[in-house]
Amino acid sequence: MRKTVQLLLVASLYGCVATTPRPYAGDQRVDPIPFSLALEEVVITGIRQRLPDPASARLGRTLAGERTLNGRKEIVVCGFVSGKAPSGSSGGDQAFIARIYPDSASSFELAAMGGASETKRLVDSTCSAAGLPISDST
């Protein structure tokens, strides 16, 4: 029995080969898709969980696209959200990038979000590279 287990272990490792890691595929282009009401609901629900005044959240310009990475379908959403600050004043626009995984019960992942000009530039350049150009000038 012990020999059999050892042989199975060796046989299972036989096909393993060291490979160089793949670079992050975050710059892979997406196929643009319509920003449906169902998609909007998933996005706004996910973003509201991260805002000080969730009820005040309002989406601005928002674009979506889908792609498949490593056999897993994902929807990339880029846009702007506005809401109130903890003090009750307008919090201004915050740029965001989110990923939704439809095959995993539409799980939501916020990749980046913020109102600082650095964050807005990062979101804009990343989304443009993916084929979803957003700009706060529209």
N, C-alpha and C. Protein backbone atom coordinates (compact mmCIF):
# COMPACT_ATOMS: atom_id res chain seq x y z
N MET A 1 0.83 -1.19 0.00
CA MET A 1 0.00 0.00 0.00
C MET A 1 0.88 1.25 0.00
N ARG A 2 1.92 1.25 0.82
CA ARG A 2 2.81 2.39 0.91
C ARG A 2 3.49 2.65 -0.43
N LYS A 3 3.94 1.55 -1.08
CA LYS A 3 4.59 1.67 -2.39
C LYS A 3 3.62 2.25 -3.42
N THR A 4 2.38 1.84 -3.36
CA THR A 4 1.38 2.32 -4.31
C THR A 4 1.17 3.82 -4.15
N VAL A 5 1.07 4.28 -2.91
CA VAL A 5 0.89 5.70 -2.64
C VAL A 5 2.09 6.49 -3.13
N GLN A 6 3.30 5.97 -2.88
CA GLN A 6 4.51 6.65 -3.35
C GLN A 6 4.55 6.72 -4.88
N LEU A 7 4.17 5.64 -5.53
CA LEU A 7 4.16 5.62 -6.99
C LEU A 7 3.13 6.62 -7.54
N LEU A 8 1.97 6.70 -6.90
CA LEU A 8 0.96 7.65 -7.34
C LEU A 8 1.42 9.08 -7.13
N LEU A 9 2.11 9.34 -6.04
CA LEU A 9 2.63 10.66 -5.76
C LEU A 9 3.66 11.06 -6.81
N VAL A 10 4.58 10.17 -7.11
CA VAL A 10 5.61 10.45 -8.11
C VAL A 10 4.97 10.66 -9.48
N ALA A 11 4.00 9.84 -9.82
CA ALA A 11 3.33 9.96 -11.11
C ALA A 11 2.57 11.28 -11.23
N SER A 12 1.97 11.73 -10.12
CA SER A 12 1.22 12.99 -10.18
C SER A 12 2.16 14.19 -10.32
N LEU A 13 3.37 14.09 -9.80
CA LEU A 13 4.33 15.18 -9.90
C LEU A 13 5.11 15.15 -11.22
N TYR A 14 5.02 14.07 -11.92
CA TYR A 14 5.79 13.90 -13.15
C TYR A 14 5.49 14.99 -14.17
N GLY A 15 4.24 15.42 -14.27
CA GLY A 15 3.86 16.42 -15.25
C GLY A 15 4.13 17.85 -14.81
N CYS A 16 4.55 18.06 -13.59
CA CYS A 16 4.79 19.41 -13.10
C CYS A 16 6.09 19.97 -13.67
N VAL A 17 6.01 21.16 -14.19
CA VAL A 17 7.18 21.81 -14.76
C VAL A 17 7.19 23.24 -14.24
N ALA A 18 8.34 23.74 -13.90
CA ALA A 18 8.44 25.12 -13.46
C ALA A 18 8.24 26.04 -14.66
N THR A 19 7.40 27.04 -14.51
CA THR A 19 7.16 28.00 -15.58
C THR A 19 7.35 29.40 -15.04
N THR A 20 7.60 30.31 -15.93
CA THR A 20 7.71 31.70 -15.50
C THR A 20 6.31 32.23 -15.24
N PRO A 21 6.14 33.01 -14.18
CA PRO A 21 4.82 33.52 -13.87
C PRO A 21 4.34 34.48 -14.96
N ARG A 22 3.03 34.45 -15.21
CA ARG A 22 2.46 35.34 -16.19
C ARG A 22 2.34 36.73 -15.59
N PRO A 23 2.54 37.74 -16.39
CA PRO A 23 2.36 39.09 -15.86
C PRO A 23 0.89 39.35 -15.57
N TYR A 24 0.62 40.30 -14.70
CA TYR A 24 -0.76 40.66 -14.38
C TYR A 24 -1.47 41.05 -15.66
N ALA A 25 -2.61 40.47 -15.88
CA ALA A 25 -3.33 40.68 -17.13
C ALA A 25 -4.31 41.84 -17.03
N GLY A 26 -4.09 42.74 -16.10
CA GLY A 26 -4.99 43.86 -15.90
C GLY A 26 -5.03 44.82 -17.08
N ASP A 27 -4.04 44.74 -17.97
CA ASP A 27 -4.03 45.63 -19.12
C ASP A 27 -4.69 44.99 -20.33
N GLN A 28 -5.24 43.80 -20.18
CA GLN A 28 -5.91 43.13 -21.28
C GLN A 28 -7.19 43.88 -21.63
N ARG A 29 -7.40 44.11 -22.90
CA ARG A 29 -8.58 44.84 -23.34
C ARG A 29 -9.85 44.03 -23.12
N VAL A 30 -10.93 44.77 -22.94
CA VAL A 30 -12.24 44.14 -22.73
C VAL A 30 -13.12 44.41 -23.95
N ASP A 31 -14.18 43.64 -24.07
CA ASP A 31 -15.20 43.88 -25.08
C ASP A 31 -16.29 44.71 -24.41
N PRO A 32 -16.50 45.95 -24.84
CA PRO A 32 -17.51 46.80 -24.20
C PRO A 32 -18.90 46.15 -24.24
N ILE A 33 -19.63 46.32 -23.14
CA ILE A 33 -21.00 45.82 -23.03
C ILE A 33 -21.88 46.94 -22.50
N PRO A 34 -23.19 46.85 -22.74
CA PRO A 34 -24.10 47.88 -22.19
C PRO A 34 -24.12 47.82 -20.67
N PHE A 35 -24.24 48.98 -20.06
CA PHE A 35 -24.32 49.07 -18.60
C PHE A 35 -25.80 48.93 -18.21
N SER A 36 -26.23 47.69 -18.02
CA SER A 36 -27.64 47.38 -17.76
C SER A 36 -28.05 47.76 -16.34
N LEU A 37 -29.34 47.76 -16.11
CA LEU A 37 -29.86 48.04 -14.76
C LEU A 37 -29.41 46.98 -13.76
N ALA A 38 -29.35 45.72 -14.19
CA ALA A 38 -28.90 44.65 -13.29
C ALA A 38 -27.44 44.85 -12.91
N LEU A 39 -26.63 45.23 -13.87
CA LEU A 39 -25.21 45.49 -13.61
C LEU A 39 -25.05 46.71 -12.70
N GLU A 40 -25.85 47.74 -12.96
CA GLU A 40 -25.82 48.94 -12.12
C GLU A 40 -26.14 48.59 -10.67
N GLU A 41 -27.11 47.72 -10.46
CA GLU A 41 -27.51 47.33 -9.10
C GLU A 41 -26.36 46.63 -8.37
N VAL A 42 -25.66 45.74 -9.06
CA VAL A 42 -24.52 45.04 -8.45
C VAL A 42 -23.42 46.05 -8.08
N VAL A 43 -23.14 46.98 -9.00
CA VAL A 43 -22.07 47.97 -8.77
C VAL A 43 -22.43 48.91 -7.63
N ILE A 44 -23.62 49.48 -7.66
CA ILE A 44 -23.98 50.46 -6.64
C ILE A 44 -24.07 49.80 -5.26
N THR A 45 -24.54 48.56 -5.21
CA THR A 45 -24.59 47.84 -3.93
C THR A 45 -23.18 47.62 -3.39
N GLY A 46 -22.26 47.22 -4.25
CA GLY A 46 -20.88 46.99 -3.82
C GLY A 46 -20.18 48.26 -3.37
N ILE A 47 -20.41 49.35 -4.09
CA ILE A 47 -19.76 50.62 -3.75
C ILE A 47 -20.35 51.22 -2.49
N ARG A 48 -21.66 51.12 -2.32
CA ARG A 48 -22.30 51.70 -1.12
C ARG A 48 -21.73 51.12 0.17
N GLN A 49 -21.28 49.89 0.13
CA GLN A 49 -20.70 49.27 1.33
C GLN A 49 -19.41 49.95 1.77
N ARG A 50 -18.83 50.77 0.89
CA ARG A 50 -17.55 51.40 1.19
C ARG A 50 -17.63 52.92 1.34
N LEU A 51 -18.84 53.45 1.40
CA LEU A 51 -19.03 54.89 1.52
C LEU A 51 -19.56 55.24 2.91
N PRO A 52 -19.20 56.43 3.42
CA PRO A 52 -19.67 56.83 4.74
C PRO A 52 -21.18 57.09 4.78
N ASP A 53 -21.76 57.56 3.67
CA ASP A 53 -23.20 57.79 3.57
C ASP A 53 -23.72 57.01 2.37
N PRO A 54 -23.98 55.70 2.54
CA PRO A 54 -24.32 54.84 1.41
C PRO A 54 -25.54 55.31 0.61
N ALA A 55 -26.53 55.88 1.28
CA ALA A 55 -27.76 56.28 0.58
C ALA A 55 -27.52 57.43 -0.39
N SER A 56 -26.47 58.19 -0.20
CA SER A 56 -26.22 59.34 -1.06
C SER A 56 -25.45 58.99 -2.34
N ALA A 57 -25.06 57.74 -2.50
CA ALA A 57 -24.24 57.34 -3.66
C ALA A 57 -25.01 57.50 -4.97
N ARG A 58 -24.38 58.16 -5.94
CA ARG A 58 -24.95 58.34 -7.27
C ARG A 58 -23.85 58.08 -8.30
N LEU A 59 -24.16 57.19 -9.24
CA LEU A 59 -23.19 56.89 -10.28
C LEU A 59 -23.17 57.99 -11.32
N GLY A 60 -21.96 58.33 -11.78
CA GLY A 60 -21.79 59.26 -12.89
C GLY A 60 -21.47 58.45 -14.14
N ARG A 61 -20.61 58.98 -14.97
CA ARG A 61 -20.21 58.27 -16.20
C ARG A 61 -19.63 56.92 -15.82
N THR A 62 -20.20 55.85 -16.39
CA THR A 62 -19.78 54.50 -16.06
C THR A 62 -19.79 53.65 -17.32
N LEU A 63 -18.71 52.91 -17.55
CA LEU A 63 -18.58 52.02 -18.70
C LEU A 63 -18.26 50.62 -18.21
N ALA A 64 -18.66 49.62 -19.00
CA ALA A 64 -18.41 48.23 -18.63
C ALA A 64 -17.93 47.44 -19.84
N GLY A 65 -17.17 46.41 -19.55
CA GLY A 65 -16.70 45.50 -20.59
C GLY A 65 -16.45 44.14 -19.98
N GLU A 66 -16.42 43.13 -20.82
CA GLU A 66 -16.16 41.78 -20.29
C GLU A 66 -14.97 41.16 -20.98
N ARG A 67 -14.36 40.23 -20.28
CA ARG A 67 -13.22 39.47 -20.79
C ARG A 67 -13.14 38.17 -20.03
N THR A 68 -12.30 37.29 -20.54
CA THR A 68 -12.05 36.02 -19.86
C THR A 68 -10.57 35.93 -19.55
N LEU A 69 -10.23 35.75 -18.29
CA LEU A 69 -8.85 35.61 -17.84
C LEU A 69 -8.69 34.26 -17.17
N ASN A 70 -7.76 33.49 -17.65
CA ASN A 70 -7.50 32.17 -17.08
C ASN A 70 -8.77 31.33 -16.99
N GLY A 71 -9.62 31.43 -18.01
CA GLY A 71 -10.84 30.65 -18.05
C GLY A 71 -11.97 31.17 -17.18
N ARG A 72 -11.77 32.32 -16.56
CA ARG A 72 -12.79 32.89 -15.67
C ARG A 72 -13.34 34.17 -16.28
N LYS A 73 -14.65 34.23 -16.47
CA LYS A 73 -15.29 35.41 -17.04
C LYS A 73 -15.35 36.51 -15.99
N GLU A 74 -14.98 37.72 -16.40
CA GLU A 74 -15.11 38.86 -15.50
C GLU A 74 -15.63 40.06 -16.26
N ILE A 75 -16.36 40.89 -15.56
CA ILE A 75 -16.86 42.15 -16.10
C ILE A 75 -16.09 43.25 -15.38
N VAL A 76 -15.48 44.14 -16.16
CA VAL A 76 -14.73 45.26 -15.61
C VAL A 76 -15.62 46.50 -15.75
N VAL A 77 -15.74 47.25 -14.66
CA VAL A 77 -16.57 48.45 -14.65
C VAL A 77 -15.69 49.62 -14.22
N CYS A 78 -15.72 50.68 -15.00
CA CYS A 78 -14.97 51.89 -14.70
C CYS A 78 -15.94 53.06 -14.66
N GLY A 79 -15.74 53.95 -13.71
CA GLY A 79 -16.64 55.09 -13.66
C GLY A 79 -16.38 56.02 -12.50
N PHE A 80 -17.41 56.83 -12.24
CA PHE A 80 -17.35 57.81 -11.16
C PHE A 80 -18.59 57.65 -10.29
N VAL A 81 -18.41 57.87 -9.00
CA VAL A 81 -19.51 57.84 -8.05
C VAL A 81 -19.39 59.09 -7.19
N SER A 82 -20.53 59.68 -6.86
CA SER A 82 -20.52 60.82 -5.95
C SER A 82 -21.37 60.48 -4.74
N GLY A 83 -21.07 61.14 -3.66
CA GLY A 83 -21.81 60.91 -2.43
C GLY A 83 -21.45 61.97 -1.42
N LYS A 84 -22.10 61.88 -0.28
CA LYS A 84 -21.84 62.86 0.78
C LYS A 84 -20.68 62.41 1.65
N ALA A 85 -19.93 63.40 2.12
CA ALA A 85 -18.84 63.16 3.06
C ALA A 85 -19.45 62.93 4.45
N PRO A 86 -18.66 62.40 5.41
CA PRO A 86 -19.18 62.17 6.76
C PRO A 86 -19.77 63.44 7.39
N SER A 87 -19.26 64.61 6.99
CA SER A 87 -19.75 65.87 7.55
C SER A 87 -21.11 66.27 6.98
N GLY A 88 -21.55 65.59 5.92
CA GLY A 88 -22.83 65.90 5.30
C GLY A 88 -22.68 66.74 4.04
N SER A 89 -21.48 67.27 3.81
CA SER A 89 -21.25 68.05 2.59
C SER A 89 -21.00 67.12 1.41
N SER A 90 -21.03 67.68 0.23
CA SER A 90 -20.79 66.88 -0.97
C SER A 90 -19.37 66.33 -0.94
N GLY A 91 -19.24 65.02 -1.16
CA GLY A 91 -17.93 64.39 -1.15
C GLY A 91 -17.21 64.47 -2.48
N GLY A 92 -17.89 64.98 -3.51
CA GLY A 92 -17.27 65.08 -4.83
C GLY A 92 -17.23 63.74 -5.53
N ASP A 93 -16.75 63.77 -6.77
CA ASP A 93 -16.65 62.54 -7.56
C ASP A 93 -15.46 61.71 -7.14
N GLN A 94 -15.67 60.41 -7.08
CA GLN A 94 -14.59 59.47 -6.84
C GLN A 94 -14.54 58.52 -8.02
N ALA A 95 -13.37 58.36 -8.60
CA ALA A 95 -13.19 57.42 -9.70
C ALA A 95 -13.08 56.01 -9.13
N PHE A 96 -13.55 55.02 -9.88
CA PHE A 96 -13.44 53.64 -9.39
C PHE A 96 -13.24 52.67 -10.54
N ILE A 97 -12.65 51.54 -10.19
CA ILE A 97 -12.55 50.36 -11.06
C ILE A 97 -13.06 49.20 -10.23
N ALA A 98 -13.97 48.42 -10.81
CA ALA A 98 -14.51 47.26 -10.11
C ALA A 98 -14.51 46.07 -11.06
N ARG A 99 -14.52 44.89 -10.46
CA ARG A 99 -14.64 43.66 -11.23
C ARG A 99 -15.82 42.87 -10.67
N ILE A 100 -16.57 42.28 -11.59
CA ILE A 100 -17.70 41.44 -11.21
C ILE A 100 -17.48 40.09 -11.86
N TYR A 101 -17.69 39.03 -11.09
CA TYR A 101 -17.50 37.67 -11.59
C TYR A 101 -18.86 36.99 -11.69
N PRO A 102 -19.47 37.00 -12.90
CA PRO A 102 -20.81 36.44 -13.06
C PRO A 102 -20.91 34.95 -12.73
N ASP A 103 -19.82 34.21 -12.93
CA ASP A 103 -19.84 32.78 -12.65
C ASP A 103 -19.77 32.48 -11.15
N SER A 104 -19.50 33.50 -10.34
CA SER A 104 -19.41 33.34 -8.88
C SER A 104 -20.51 34.17 -8.21
N ALA A 105 -21.73 33.96 -8.64
CA ALA A 105 -22.89 34.66 -8.06
C ALA A 105 -22.71 36.18 -8.12
N SER A 106 -22.12 36.66 -9.22
CA SER A 106 -21.88 38.09 -9.44
C SER A 106 -21.13 38.72 -8.27
N SER A 107 -20.09 38.03 -7.80
CA SER A 107 -19.29 38.59 -6.71
C SER A 107 -18.63 39.89 -7.19
N PHE A 108 -18.54 40.85 -6.30
CA PHE A 108 -18.08 42.20 -6.60
C PHE A 108 -16.73 42.43 -5.93
N GLU A 109 -15.80 43.00 -6.68
CA GLU A 109 -14.48 43.32 -6.14
C GLU A 109 -14.13 44.75 -6.56
N LEU A 110 -13.93 45.63 -5.59
CA LEU A 110 -13.54 47.00 -5.88
C LEU A 110 -12.03 47.04 -5.97
N ALA A 111 -11.50 47.33 -7.16
CA ALA A 111 -10.05 47.32 -7.37
C ALA A 111 -9.42 48.63 -6.93
N ALA A 112 -10.09 49.75 -7.17
CA ALA A 112 -9.57 51.06 -6.78
C ALA A 112 -10.73 52.04 -6.70
N MET A 113 -10.62 53.00 -5.77
CA MET A 113 -11.64 54.04 -5.66
C MET A 113 -11.05 55.20 -4.88
N GLY A 114 -11.29 56.41 -5.35
CA GLY A 114 -10.81 57.57 -4.63
C GLY A 114 -11.05 58.86 -5.39
N GLY A 115 -10.99 59.95 -4.65
CA GLY A 115 -11.22 61.26 -5.25
C GLY A 115 -9.95 62.03 -5.51
N ALA A 116 -8.83 61.55 -5.01
CA ALA A 116 -7.56 62.25 -5.22
C ALA A 116 -7.20 62.23 -6.70
N SER A 117 -6.53 63.27 -7.16
CA SER A 117 -6.19 63.36 -8.59
C SER A 117 -5.31 62.19 -9.03
N GLU A 118 -4.45 61.70 -8.13
CA GLU A 118 -3.61 60.54 -8.47
C GLU A 118 -4.46 59.32 -8.76
N THR A 119 -5.46 59.10 -7.91
CA THR A 119 -6.35 57.94 -8.09
C THR A 119 -7.15 58.09 -9.37
N LYS A 120 -7.65 59.29 -9.64
CA LYS A 120 -8.42 59.52 -10.86
C LYS A 120 -7.56 59.26 -12.09
N ARG A 121 -6.30 59.71 -12.07
CA ARG A 121 -5.39 59.46 -13.20
C ARG A 121 -5.13 57.97 -13.36
N LEU A 122 -4.92 57.26 -12.26
CA LEU A 122 -4.68 55.82 -12.31
C LEU A 122 -5.89 55.09 -12.89
N VAL A 123 -7.08 55.43 -12.41
CA VAL A 123 -8.30 54.80 -12.91
C VAL A 123 -8.47 55.12 -14.39
N ASP A 124 -8.30 56.37 -14.77
CA ASP A 124 -8.49 56.76 -16.16
C ASP A 124 -7.50 56.05 -17.08
N SER A 125 -6.23 55.98 -16.70
CA SER A 125 -5.23 55.33 -17.56
C SER A 125 -5.45 53.82 -17.63
N THR A 126 -5.80 53.21 -16.50
CA THR A 126 -6.04 51.77 -16.48
C THR A 126 -7.27 51.41 -17.31
N CYS A 127 -8.32 52.20 -17.15
CA CYS A 127 -9.55 51.93 -17.89
C CYS A 127 -9.35 52.20 -19.38
N SER A 128 -8.63 53.24 -19.74
CA SER A 128 -8.34 53.52 -21.15
C SER A 128 -7.56 52.38 -21.78
N ALA A 129 -6.59 51.84 -21.05
CA ALA A 129 -5.79 50.72 -21.56
C ALA A 129 -6.66 49.48 -21.76
N ALA A 130 -7.71 49.34 -20.95
CA ALA A 130 -8.60 48.19 -21.08
C ALA A 130 -9.65 48.40 -22.17
N GLY A 131 -9.71 49.62 -22.72
CA GLY A 131 -10.70 49.91 -23.76
C GLY A 131 -11.95 50.57 -23.23
N LEU A 132 -11.90 51.09 -22.00
CA LEU A 132 -13.04 51.77 -21.39
C LEU A 132 -12.62 53.19 -20.98
N PRO A 133 -12.43 54.09 -21.95
CA PRO A 133 -11.95 55.43 -21.61
C PRO A 133 -13.01 56.25 -20.89
N ILE A 134 -12.70 56.66 -19.70
CA ILE A 134 -13.61 57.53 -18.93
C ILE A 134 -12.88 58.83 -18.68
N SER A 135 -13.63 59.85 -18.46
CA SER A 135 -13.04 61.15 -18.16
C SER A 135 -14.05 61.94 -17.36
N ASP A 136 -13.59 62.69 -16.37
CA ASP A 136 -14.52 63.47 -15.56
C ASP A 136 -14.93 64.76 -16.27
N SER A 137 -14.46 64.95 -17.49
CA SER A 137 -14.84 66.15 -18.23
C SER A 137 -16.16 66.01 -18.96
N THR A 138 -16.78 64.80 -18.91
CA THR A 138 -18.05 64.61 -19.60
C THR A 138 -19.19 64.62 -18.62
